[in-house]
Structures are given as structure tokens and as C-alpha cells.
Amino acid sequence: MGEAAAIGLENVTKRYGAAAPALDGVSLEVRQREFLAVVGASGSGKTTLLRLINRLAEPSEGTVRVGGADAAGLDAIGLRRRIGYVFQEVGLFPHMTVAENMAITPRLLGWDVARRAERVAELLELVRLPADCGGRFPGQLSGGERQRVGVARALAARPEIVLMDEPFAALDPPTRDALGRDYRALHEALGLTTVMITHDMLEALGLADRIAVLRAGAVIAHGAPRELIGHPHAYVREMMQTPRRVAERVSALLAAREG
């Protein structure tokens, strides 16, 4: 029998009150050491999907599995400490140093001071931050540096699974591109299973092994990047064409200025 999937959603529906379901009958599997990007517009159900995986929300119907086990039967706090989570807003504690922010989960897991300090030093190197950065406070860092700290914090307790919620969306394009490439390298080097949500199809095509496209709470397309490009669903085609239209508009403005 093959290796169990790292994450599995089986006919999962999530409702909030009487509104239309945030997720509607979603079935999705994430293989071990796979990088899955979940792409969709605002309100498509992307963040709800992540919250179901680490039990920040519970499904109204269906089953969520982590490591082959029904997540509903796992201790929620213990599960979250086994899964790294990277937020768009980073969420660093401003009154704590970078080192203290990075060491939050190891401290909660009972690691001693020496072990935590050793891990922080490893993490700073891993995410390409200078060694003296550990003594600084988040307010002293650039946006890109804060996001690197967020990634390091998510990796601190050596998780096998990392969830990323629009992790680079607030950054300028060059920083966003550099961090995406650096994280992809970490994903491969550490043998991680990554689920990243994004509204940017080009980012997903550049980073992911496989992409699931959500619309109104349902998966309308999924596959490897080459599969989506080769046989795009109409909505996927629209998402891929949007950046091109922006580029064409910029080119027209530059031409008008030079004319």
C-alpha cells in the first residue's frame, strides 16, 4: 500500500450560519512533500480550507485527515504545534525580540533555553537573516525581514506540514519574488509538505507542484501547472490573463508618455 497522504479532505462542507457554504463538498489530497497552491478570489473559501486543516475551524460535513488520521480525533492544540503557519500579516509580537518570536512554539513544547537558542541560530541562517537580527524587535525590521522571521517561526519546531496564508501578498514584487524562491528552496531541502493560498495565479504557477483553483467554495480545477496551462478552465484562463492585461495597460501608458 502506498504512503498515506499528508492531508486529505473528503467531501468537506463548511457553513457559517445561513449564508452559502464557505466550502461546498471539497475533496482534495496533498501528498507528502508536495507543494500545493490553492488559488481563488476573495471569498472563494481559501482561508477556511487552511483553518480546517489545523482545526481552527471544524467541518460542517465531511472529514479532514492529517497524516492519515481523522483530525477531529486529534488534540487541536497538539495538532497546531505540529503544523507551521505563516500569515500575510506575519503577526509577530512587537514587545518580543526576533529570537523570542522564533522560539514561541519550542518554548510551549518545553524545550530548554540552550536548545531554543541553538534552534534560533539555525533558523536565522536558514532564512538568510544576519545573526545579530535575533536581538532586534519587529519594528526595527523591513517588511521582507519580518516575513522571513514569520517563516522561521513556522519552522521552529521542525514541522512536516506548513500552511501559508497569502504569505507574500503585502510585499513589493522583487521582495515577494525573492522570498517565494527562497521558501521553495527550503520546502525542497527540508522535505516539507506545503499548502499555500494565494489570489495570484502566476505566483502559484511559479512555485507549486500542483494547483487547486477554488471558486464559490468548490474546486473547479486542479492539476500540475503544465496541465492547467495546457487545458485551462475558462475561469483559470481569466485569472492567467489578468496580469497580461495590466502589463499591456502599463505599456500603453509608457508609449503615450514617450509619444
C-alpha atoms as a PDB file:
ATOM      1  CA  MET A   1       0.000   0.000   0.000  1.00  0.00           C
ATOM      2  CA  GLY A   2       1.262   3.497  -0.797  1.00  0.00           C
ATOM      3  CA  GLU A   3       2.266   6.160   1.639  1.00  0.00           C
ATOM      4  CA  ALA A   4      -0.629   7.931   3.382  1.00  0.00           C
ATOM      5  CA  ALA A   5      -1.383  11.445   2.168  1.00  0.00           C
ATOM      6  CA  ALA A   6      -0.131  14.221   4.408  1.00  0.00           C
ATOM      7  CA  ILE A   7      -3.524  15.963   4.233  1.00  0.00           C
ATOM      8  CA  GLY A   8      -6.868  14.806   2.910  1.00  0.00           C
ATOM      9  CA  LEU A   9     -10.269  16.482   2.653  1.00  0.00           C
ATOM     10  CA  GLU A  10     -13.170  14.148   1.935  1.00  0.00           C
ATOM     11  CA  ASN A  11     -16.459  15.772   0.818  1.00  0.00           C
ATOM     12  CA  VAL A  12     -15.886  18.692   3.197  1.00  0.00           C
ATOM     13  CA  THR A  13     -18.524  21.387   3.575  1.00  0.00           C
ATOM     14  CA  LYS A  14     -18.248  24.348   5.932  1.00  0.00           C
ATOM     15  CA  ARG A  15     -21.191  26.610   6.685  1.00  0.00           C
ATOM     16  CA  TYR A  16     -21.310  29.784   8.749  1.00  0.00           C
ATOM     17  CA  GLY A  17     -24.924  30.396   9.659  1.00  0.00           C
ATOM     18  CA  ALA A  18     -27.489  30.637   6.883  1.00  0.00           C
ATOM     19  CA  ALA A  19     -25.104  32.027   4.244  1.00  0.00           C
ATOM     20  CA  ALA A  20     -23.929  29.992   1.268  1.00  0.00           C
ATOM     21  CA  PRO A  21     -21.278  27.435   2.278  1.00  0.00           C
ATOM     22  CA  ALA A  22     -17.724  28.748   2.544  1.00  0.00           C
ATOM     23  CA  LEU A  23     -16.660  25.324   1.268  1.00  0.00           C
ATOM     24  CA  ASP A  24     -19.059  23.042  -0.562  1.00  0.00           C
ATOM     25  CA  GLY A  25     -18.249  19.339  -0.915  1.00  0.00           C
ATOM     26  CA  VAL A  26     -14.495  19.754  -1.354  1.00  0.00           C
ATOM     27  CA  SER A  27     -12.351  16.641  -1.782  1.00  0.00           C
ATOM     28  CA  LEU A  28      -8.626  17.253  -2.042  1.00  0.00           C
ATOM     29  CA  GLU A  29      -5.445  15.336  -1.254  1.00  0.00           C
ATOM     30  CA  VAL A  30      -1.997  16.736  -0.519  1.00  0.00           C
ATOM     31  CA  ARG A  31       0.774  14.204  -0.867  1.00  0.00           C
ATOM     32  CA  GLN A  32       3.748  14.107   1.473  1.00  0.00           C
ATOM     33  CA  ARG A  33       6.480  16.579   0.463  1.00  0.00           C
ATOM     34  CA  GLU A  34       4.188  18.200  -2.100  1.00  0.00           C
ATOM     35  CA  PHE A  35       3.777  21.959  -2.589  1.00  0.00           C
ATOM     36  CA  LEU A  36       0.101  22.667  -3.239  1.00  0.00           C
ATOM     37  CA  ALA A  37      -1.109  26.165  -4.079  1.00  0.00           C
ATOM     38  CA  VAL A  38      -4.793  26.930  -3.542  1.00  0.00           C
ATOM     39  CA  VAL A  39      -5.826  29.813  -5.783  1.00  0.00           C
ATOM     40  CA  GLY A  40      -9.011  31.843  -5.775  1.00  0.00           C
ATOM     41  CA  ALA A  41     -10.523  35.286  -5.451  1.00  0.00           C
ATOM     42  CA  SER A  42     -11.581  36.808  -2.136  1.00  0.00           C
ATOM     43  CA  GLY A  43     -14.463  34.857  -0.637  1.00  0.00           C
ATOM     44  CA  SER A  44     -13.685  31.655  -2.531  1.00  0.00           C
ATOM     45  CA  GLY A  45     -13.031  29.659   0.662  1.00  0.00           C
ATOM     46  CA  LYS A  46      -9.224  29.587   0.651  1.00  0.00           C
ATOM     47  CA  THR A  47      -8.621  30.651   4.261  1.00  0.00           C
ATOM     48  CA  THR A  48     -11.454  28.447   5.515  1.00  0.00           C
ATOM     49  CA  LEU A  49      -9.696  25.469   3.934  1.00  0.00           C
ATOM     50  CA  LEU A  50      -6.488  26.229   5.846  1.00  0.00           C
ATOM     51  CA  ARG A  51      -8.371  26.735   9.112  1.00  0.00           C
ATOM     52  CA  LEU A  52      -9.998  23.319   8.748  1.00  0.00           C
ATOM     53  CA  ILE A  53      -6.637  21.596   8.341  1.00  0.00           C
ATOM     54  CA  ASN A  54      -5.302  22.747  11.728  1.00  0.00           C
ATOM     55  CA  ARG A  55      -8.703  22.754  13.480  1.00  0.00           C
ATOM     56  CA  LEU A  56      -9.099  26.484  13.850  1.00  0.00           C
ATOM     57  CA  ALA A  57     -12.486  25.605  12.322  1.00  0.00           C
ATOM     58  CA  GLU A  58     -14.434  22.346  12.169  1.00  0.00           C
ATOM     59  CA  PRO A  59     -16.198  20.976   9.080  1.00  0.00           C
ATOM     60  CA  SER A  60     -19.990  21.047   8.983  1.00  0.00           C
ATOM     61  CA  GLU A  61     -19.855  17.858   6.910  1.00  0.00           C
ATOM     62  CA  GLY A  62     -17.108  15.548   5.700  1.00  0.00           C
ATOM     63  CA  THR A  63     -13.729  14.538   7.069  1.00  0.00           C
ATOM     64  CA  VAL A  64     -10.346  16.240   7.301  1.00  0.00           C
ATOM     65  CA  ARG A  65      -7.369  13.902   7.689  1.00  0.00           C
ATOM     66  CA  VAL A  66      -3.827  14.807   8.734  1.00  0.00           C
ATOM     67  CA  GLY A  67      -1.201  12.103   8.398  1.00  0.00           C
ATOM     68  CA  GLY A  68      -3.963   9.597   7.676  1.00  0.00           C
ATOM     69  CA  ALA A  69      -5.796  10.293  10.953  1.00  0.00           C
ATOM     70  CA  ASP A  70      -9.178  11.990  11.290  1.00  0.00           C
ATOM     71  CA  ALA A  71      -8.282  15.476  12.550  1.00  0.00           C
ATOM     72  CA  ALA A  72     -11.464  15.549  14.650  1.00  0.00           C
ATOM     73  CA  GLY A  73      -9.941  12.849  16.859  1.00  0.00           C
ATOM     74  CA  LEU A  74      -6.624  14.660  17.354  1.00  0.00           C
ATOM     75  CA  ASP A  75      -5.852  17.126  20.119  1.00  0.00           C
ATOM     76  CA  ALA A  76      -6.327  20.523  18.473  1.00  0.00           C
ATOM     77  CA  ILE A  77      -3.537  22.315  20.345  1.00  0.00           C
ATOM     78  CA  GLY A  78      -1.100  19.472  19.780  1.00  0.00           C
ATOM     79  CA  LEU A  79      -2.012  19.392  16.099  1.00  0.00           C
ATOM     80  CA  ARG A  80      -1.357  23.112  15.680  1.00  0.00           C
ATOM     81  CA  ARG A  81       2.049  22.788  17.301  1.00  0.00           C
ATOM     82  CA  ARG A  82       2.951  20.138  14.740  1.00  0.00           C
ATOM     83  CA  ILE A  83       1.981  22.384  11.809  1.00  0.00           C
ATOM     84  CA  GLY A  84       3.785  25.575  10.829  1.00  0.00           C
ATOM     85  CA  TYR A  85       1.564  28.536   9.916  1.00  0.00           C
ATOM     86  CA  VAL A  86       2.701  31.640   8.012  1.00  0.00           C
ATOM     87  CA  PHE A  87       0.319  34.613   7.900  1.00  0.00           C
ATOM     88  CA  GLN A  88       0.157  37.518   5.459  1.00  0.00           C
ATOM     89  CA  GLU A  89       0.244  39.967   8.385  1.00  0.00           C
ATOM     90  CA  VAL A  90       3.148  37.985   9.936  1.00  0.00           C
ATOM     91  CA  GLY A  91       1.668  38.517  13.431  1.00  0.00           C
ATOM     92  CA  LEU A  92       4.950  38.980  15.304  1.00  0.00           C
ATOM     93  CA  PHE A  93       4.690  40.147  18.911  1.00  0.00           C
ATOM     94  CA  PRO A  94       6.115  43.695  18.858  1.00  0.00           C
ATOM     95  CA  HIS A  95       7.294  43.615  22.504  1.00  0.00           C
ATOM     96  CA  MET A  96       9.339  40.446  21.938  1.00  0.00           C
ATOM     97  CA  THR A  97      12.688  40.173  20.167  1.00  0.00           C
ATOM     98  CA  VAL A  98      13.078  38.292  16.914  1.00  0.00           C
ATOM     99  CA  ALA A  99      14.667  35.401  18.810  1.00  0.00           C
ATOM    100  CA  GLU A 100      11.792  35.308  21.301  1.00  0.00           C
ATOM    101  CA  ASN A 101       9.242  35.350  18.477  1.00  0.00           C
ATOM    102  CA  MET A 102      11.013  32.490  16.715  1.00  0.00           C
ATOM    103  CA  ALA A 103      11.189  30.409  19.890  1.00  0.00           C
ATOM    104  CA  ILE A 104       7.495  30.633  20.867  1.00  0.00           C
ATOM    105  CA  THR A 105       6.487  27.121  19.815  1.00  0.00           C
ATOM    106  CA  PRO A 106       9.662  25.416  21.105  1.00  0.00           C
ATOM    107  CA  ARG A 107       9.100  27.164  24.460  1.00  0.00           C
ATOM    108  CA  LEU A 108       5.495  25.921  24.570  1.00  0.00           C
ATOM    109  CA  LEU A 109       6.787  22.436  23.785  1.00  0.00           C
ATOM    110  CA  GLY A 110       9.118  22.590  26.783  1.00  0.00           C
ATOM    111  CA  TRP A 111      12.474  22.976  25.051  1.00  0.00           C
ATOM    112  CA  ASP A 112      15.172  24.226  27.412  1.00  0.00           C
ATOM    113  CA  VAL A 113      16.864  27.609  26.973  1.00  0.00           C
ATOM    114  CA  ALA A 114      20.042  26.240  25.369  1.00  0.00           C
ATOM    115  CA  ARG A 115      18.121  24.175  22.845  1.00  0.00           C
ATOM    116  CA  ARG A 116      15.929  27.132  21.927  1.00  0.00           C
ATOM    117  CA  ALA A 117      18.950  29.396  21.447  1.00  0.00           C
ATOM    118  CA  GLU A 118      20.622  26.808  19.227  1.00  0.00           C
ATOM    119  CA  ARG A 119      17.488  26.490  17.122  1.00  0.00           C
ATOM    120  CA  VAL A 120      17.136  30.272  16.732  1.00  0.00           C
ATOM    121  CA  ALA A 121      20.714  30.473  15.449  1.00  0.00           C
ATOM    122  CA  GLU A 122      19.939  27.711  12.933  1.00  0.00           C
ATOM    123  CA  LEU A 123      16.750  29.456  11.828  1.00  0.00           C
ATOM    124  CA  LEU A 124      18.405  32.818  11.273  1.00  0.00           C
ATOM    125  CA  GLU A 125      20.867  31.152   8.919  1.00  0.00           C
ATOM    126  CA  LEU A 126      18.113  29.101   7.269  1.00  0.00           C
ATOM    127  CA  VAL A 127      16.046  32.169   6.318  1.00  0.00           C
ATOM    128  CA  ARG A 128      19.089  34.278   5.424  1.00  0.00           C
ATOM    129  CA  LEU A 129      18.963  36.802   8.244  1.00  0.00           C
ATOM    130  CA  PRO A 130      22.113  38.096   9.991  1.00  0.00           C
ATOM    131  CA  ALA A 131      22.986  36.518  13.344  1.00  0.00           C
ATOM    132  CA  ASP A 132      22.541  39.815  15.224  1.00  0.00           C
ATOM    133  CA  CYS A 133      18.944  40.059  13.988  1.00  0.00           C
ATOM    134  CA  GLY A 134      17.816  37.861  16.894  1.00  0.00           C
ATOM    135  CA  GLY A 135      18.236  40.711  19.358  1.00  0.00           C
ATOM    136  CA  ARG A 136      16.171  43.208  17.360  1.00  0.00           C
ATOM    137  CA  PHE A 137      12.461  43.935  17.663  1.00  0.00           C
ATOM    138  CA  PRO A 138       9.990  43.505  14.771  1.00  0.00           C
ATOM    139  CA  GLY A 139       9.538  47.279  14.417  1.00  0.00           C
ATOM    140  CA  GLN A 140      13.242  47.562  13.516  1.00  0.00           C
ATOM    141  CA  LEU A 141      12.904  45.239  10.516  1.00  0.00           C
ATOM    142  CA  SER A 142      11.791  45.732   6.921  1.00  0.00           C
ATOM    143  CA  GLY A 143       8.644  44.025   5.656  1.00  0.00           C
ATOM    144  CA  GLY A 144      10.670  41.336   3.923  1.00  0.00           C
ATOM    145  CA  GLU A 145      12.744  40.701   7.045  1.00  0.00           C
ATOM    146  CA  ARG A 146       9.592  40.395   9.169  1.00  0.00           C
ATOM    147  CA  GLN A 147       8.175  37.848   6.743  1.00  0.00           C
ATOM    148  CA  ARG A 148      11.416  35.859   6.925  1.00  0.00           C
ATOM    149  CA  VAL A 149      11.027  35.828  10.697  1.00  0.00           C
ATOM    150  CA  GLY A 150       7.453  34.609  10.204  1.00  0.00           C
ATOM    151  CA  VAL A 151       8.716  31.726   8.065  1.00  0.00           C
ATOM    152  CA  ALA A 152      11.410  30.915  10.624  1.00  0.00           C
ATOM    153  CA  ARG A 153       8.842  30.903  13.437  1.00  0.00           C
ATOM    154  CA  ALA A 154       6.677  28.480  11.451  1.00  0.00           C
ATOM    155  CA  LEU A 155       9.671  26.149  11.006  1.00  0.00           C
ATOM    156  CA  ALA A 156      10.968  26.429  14.571  1.00  0.00           C
ATOM    157  CA  ALA A 157       9.634  23.112  15.923  1.00  0.00           C
ATOM    158  CA  ARG A 158      10.606  21.218  12.754  1.00  0.00           C
ATOM    159  CA  PRO A 159       7.082  20.644  11.397  1.00  0.00           C
ATOM    160  CA  GLU A 160       6.455  18.362   8.450  1.00  0.00           C
ATOM    161  CA  ILE A 161       3.487  20.469   7.276  1.00  0.00           C
ATOM    162  CA  VAL A 162       3.473  24.236   6.671  1.00  0.00           C
ATOM    163  CA  LEU A 163       0.328  26.250   5.901  1.00  0.00           C
ATOM    164  CA  MET A 164       0.790  29.657   4.280  1.00  0.00           C
ATOM    165  CA  ASP A 165      -1.995  32.249   4.078  1.00  0.00           C
ATOM    166  CA  GLU A 166      -1.137  34.791   1.335  1.00  0.00           C
ATOM    167  CA  PRO A 167       2.373  34.936   2.844  1.00  0.00           C
ATOM    168  CA  PHE A 168       3.984  37.405   0.443  1.00  0.00           C
ATOM    169  CA  ALA A 169       0.995  39.455  -0.750  1.00  0.00           C
ATOM    170  CA  ALA A 170       1.869  42.623   1.185  1.00  0.00           C
ATOM    171  CA  LEU A 171       5.443  42.822  -0.136  1.00  0.00           C
ATOM    172  CA  ASP A 172       6.835  44.683  -3.128  1.00  0.00           C
ATOM    173  CA  PRO A 173       7.279  42.499  -6.249  1.00  0.00           C
ATOM    174  CA  PRO A 174      11.089  41.994  -6.095  1.00  0.00           C
ATOM    175  CA  THR A 175      10.970  41.077  -2.379  1.00  0.00           C
ATOM    176  CA  ARG A 176       7.966  38.851  -2.964  1.00  0.00           C
ATOM    177  CA  ASP A 177       9.733  37.022  -5.787  1.00  0.00           C
ATOM    178  CA  ALA A 178      12.917  36.532  -3.748  1.00  0.00           C
ATOM    179  CA  LEU A 179      11.062  35.217  -0.710  1.00  0.00           C
ATOM    180  CA  GLY A 180       8.990  32.875  -2.844  1.00  0.00           C
ATOM    181  CA  ARG A 181      12.105  31.378  -4.413  1.00  0.00           C
ATOM    182  CA  ASP A 182      13.846  31.094  -1.033  1.00  0.00           C
ATOM    183  CA  TYR A 183      10.841  29.389   0.540  1.00  0.00           C
ATOM    184  CA  ARG A 184      10.561  26.939  -2.369  1.00  0.00           C
ATOM    185  CA  ALA A 185      14.217  26.015  -1.805  1.00  0.00           C
ATOM    186  CA  LEU A 186      13.513  25.461   1.913  1.00  0.00           C
ATOM    187  CA  HIS A 187      10.469  23.357   1.052  1.00  0.00           C
ATOM    188  CA  GLU A 188      12.644  21.048  -1.022  1.00  0.00           C
ATOM    189  CA  ALA A 189      15.669  20.989   1.305  1.00  0.00           C
ATOM    190  CA  LEU A 190      13.596  20.204   4.417  1.00  0.00           C
ATOM    191  CA  GLY A 191      11.194  17.779   2.749  1.00  0.00           C
ATOM    192  CA  LEU A 192       8.141  19.824   3.761  1.00  0.00           C
ATOM    193  CA  THR A 193       4.512  19.450   2.790  1.00  0.00           C
ATOM    194  CA  THR A 194       3.274  22.957   1.979  1.00  0.00           C
ATOM    195  CA  VAL A 195      -0.206  24.326   1.346  1.00  0.00           C
ATOM    196  CA  MET A 196      -0.095  27.960   0.235  1.00  0.00           C
ATOM    197  CA  ILE A 197      -3.161  30.026  -0.542  1.00  0.00           C
ATOM    198  CA  THR A 198      -2.899  32.934  -2.940  1.00  0.00           C
ATOM    199  CA  HIS A 199      -5.025  35.011  -5.283  1.00  0.00           C
ATOM    200  CA  ASP A 200      -2.094  35.261  -7.717  1.00  0.00           C
ATOM    201  CA  MET A 201      -2.165  32.546 -10.373  1.00  0.00           C
ATOM    202  CA  LEU A 202       1.300  33.480 -11.658  1.00  0.00           C
ATOM    203  CA  GLU A 203       2.775  33.055  -8.175  1.00  0.00           C
ATOM    204  CA  ALA A 204       1.120  29.624  -7.931  1.00  0.00           C
ATOM    205  CA  LEU A 205       2.365  28.571 -11.371  1.00  0.00           C
ATOM    206  CA  GLY A 206       5.912  29.577 -10.436  1.00  0.00           C
ATOM    207  CA  LEU A 207       6.108  27.897  -7.035  1.00  0.00           C
ATOM    208  CA  ALA A 208       3.740  24.944  -6.759  1.00  0.00           C
ATOM    209  CA  ASP A 209       3.902  21.283  -7.768  1.00  0.00           C
ATOM    210  CA  ARG A 210       0.132  21.247  -8.069  1.00  0.00           C
ATOM    211  CA  ILE A 211      -2.615  23.870  -8.004  1.00  0.00           C
ATOM    212  CA  ALA A 212      -6.239  23.703  -6.840  1.00  0.00           C
ATOM    213  CA  VAL A 213      -8.495  26.516  -8.016  1.00  0.00           C
ATOM    214  CA  LEU A 214     -11.396  27.460  -5.738  1.00  0.00           C
ATOM    215  CA  ARG A 215     -14.483  29.373  -6.791  1.00  0.00           C
ATOM    216  CA  ALA A 216     -17.504  29.932  -4.520  1.00  0.00           C
ATOM    217  CA  GLY A 217     -16.335  27.201  -2.153  1.00  0.00           C
ATOM    218  CA  ALA A 218     -15.805  24.490  -4.780  1.00  0.00           C
ATOM    219  CA  VAL A 219     -12.688  23.144  -6.509  1.00  0.00           C
ATOM    220  CA  ILE A 220     -13.269  23.880 -10.184  1.00  0.00           C
ATOM    221  CA  ALA A 221      -9.840  22.821 -11.483  1.00  0.00           C
ATOM    222  CA  HIS A 222      -6.724  21.164 -10.166  1.00  0.00           C
ATOM    223  CA  GLY A 223      -3.526  19.698 -11.535  1.00  0.00           C
ATOM    224  CA  ALA A 224       0.136  20.392 -12.193  1.00  0.00           C
ATOM    225  CA  PRO A 225       0.968  23.846 -13.614  1.00  0.00           C
ATOM    226  CA  ARG A 226       1.597  22.430 -17.104  1.00  0.00           C
ATOM    227  CA  GLU A 227      -1.826  20.732 -17.014  1.00  0.00           C
ATOM    228  CA  LEU A 228      -3.644  23.940 -16.102  1.00  0.00           C
ATOM    229  CA  ILE A 229      -1.769  25.895 -18.758  1.00  0.00           C
ATOM    230  CA  GLY A 230      -2.365  23.219 -21.412  1.00  0.00           C
ATOM    231  CA  HIS A 231      -6.089  22.760 -20.779  1.00  0.00           C
ATOM    232  CA  PRO A 232      -7.273  25.793 -18.826  1.00  0.00           C
ATOM    233  CA  HIS A 233     -10.778  26.067 -17.431  1.00  0.00           C
ATOM    234  CA  ALA A 234     -12.387  29.357 -18.554  1.00  0.00           C
ATOM    235  CA  TYR A 235     -12.055  30.850 -15.056  1.00  0.00           C
ATOM    236  CA  VAL A 236      -8.412  29.735 -14.837  1.00  0.00           C
ATOM    237  CA  ARG A 237      -7.740  31.334 -18.223  1.00  0.00           C
ATOM    238  CA  GLU A 238      -9.259  34.572 -16.959  1.00  0.00           C
ATOM    239  CA  MET A 239      -7.008  34.518 -13.884  1.00  0.00           C
ATOM    240  CA  MET A 240      -3.923  33.942 -16.023  1.00  0.00           C
ATOM    241  CA  GLN A 241      -4.824  36.757 -18.432  1.00  0.00           C
ATOM    242  CA  THR A 242      -5.365  39.456 -15.782  1.00  0.00           C
ATOM    243  CA  PRO A 243      -1.625  40.222 -15.240  1.00  0.00           C
ATOM    244  CA  ARG A 244      -1.157  40.336 -19.019  1.00  0.00           C
ATOM    245  CA  ARG A 245      -3.869  42.969 -19.340  1.00  0.00           C
ATOM    246  CA  VAL A 246      -2.210  45.031 -16.603  1.00  0.00           C
ATOM    247  CA  ALA A 247       1.136  44.772 -18.422  1.00  0.00           C
ATOM    248  CA  GLU A 248      -0.486  45.854 -21.685  1.00  0.00           C
ATOM    249  CA  ARG A 249      -2.071  48.859 -19.951  1.00  0.00           C
ATOM    250  CA  VAL A 250       1.302  49.870 -18.474  1.00  0.00           C
ATOM    251  CA  SER A 251       2.946  49.531 -21.895  1.00  0.00           C
ATOM    252  CA  ALA A 252       0.269  51.738 -23.444  1.00  0.00           C
ATOM    253  CA  LEU A 253       0.763  54.411 -20.740  1.00  0.00           C
ATOM    254  CA  LEU A 254       4.545  54.365 -21.268  1.00  0.00           C
ATOM    255  CA  ALA A 255       4.112  54.643 -25.030  1.00  0.00           C
ATOM    256  CA  ALA A 256       1.736  57.598 -24.622  1.00  0.00           C
ATOM    257  CA  ARG A 257       4.186  59.334 -22.314  1.00  0.00           C
ATOM    258  CA  GLU A 258       7.069  58.867 -24.746  1.00  0.00           C
ATOM    259  CA  GLY A 259       4.951  59.904 -27.773  1.00  0.00           C
END
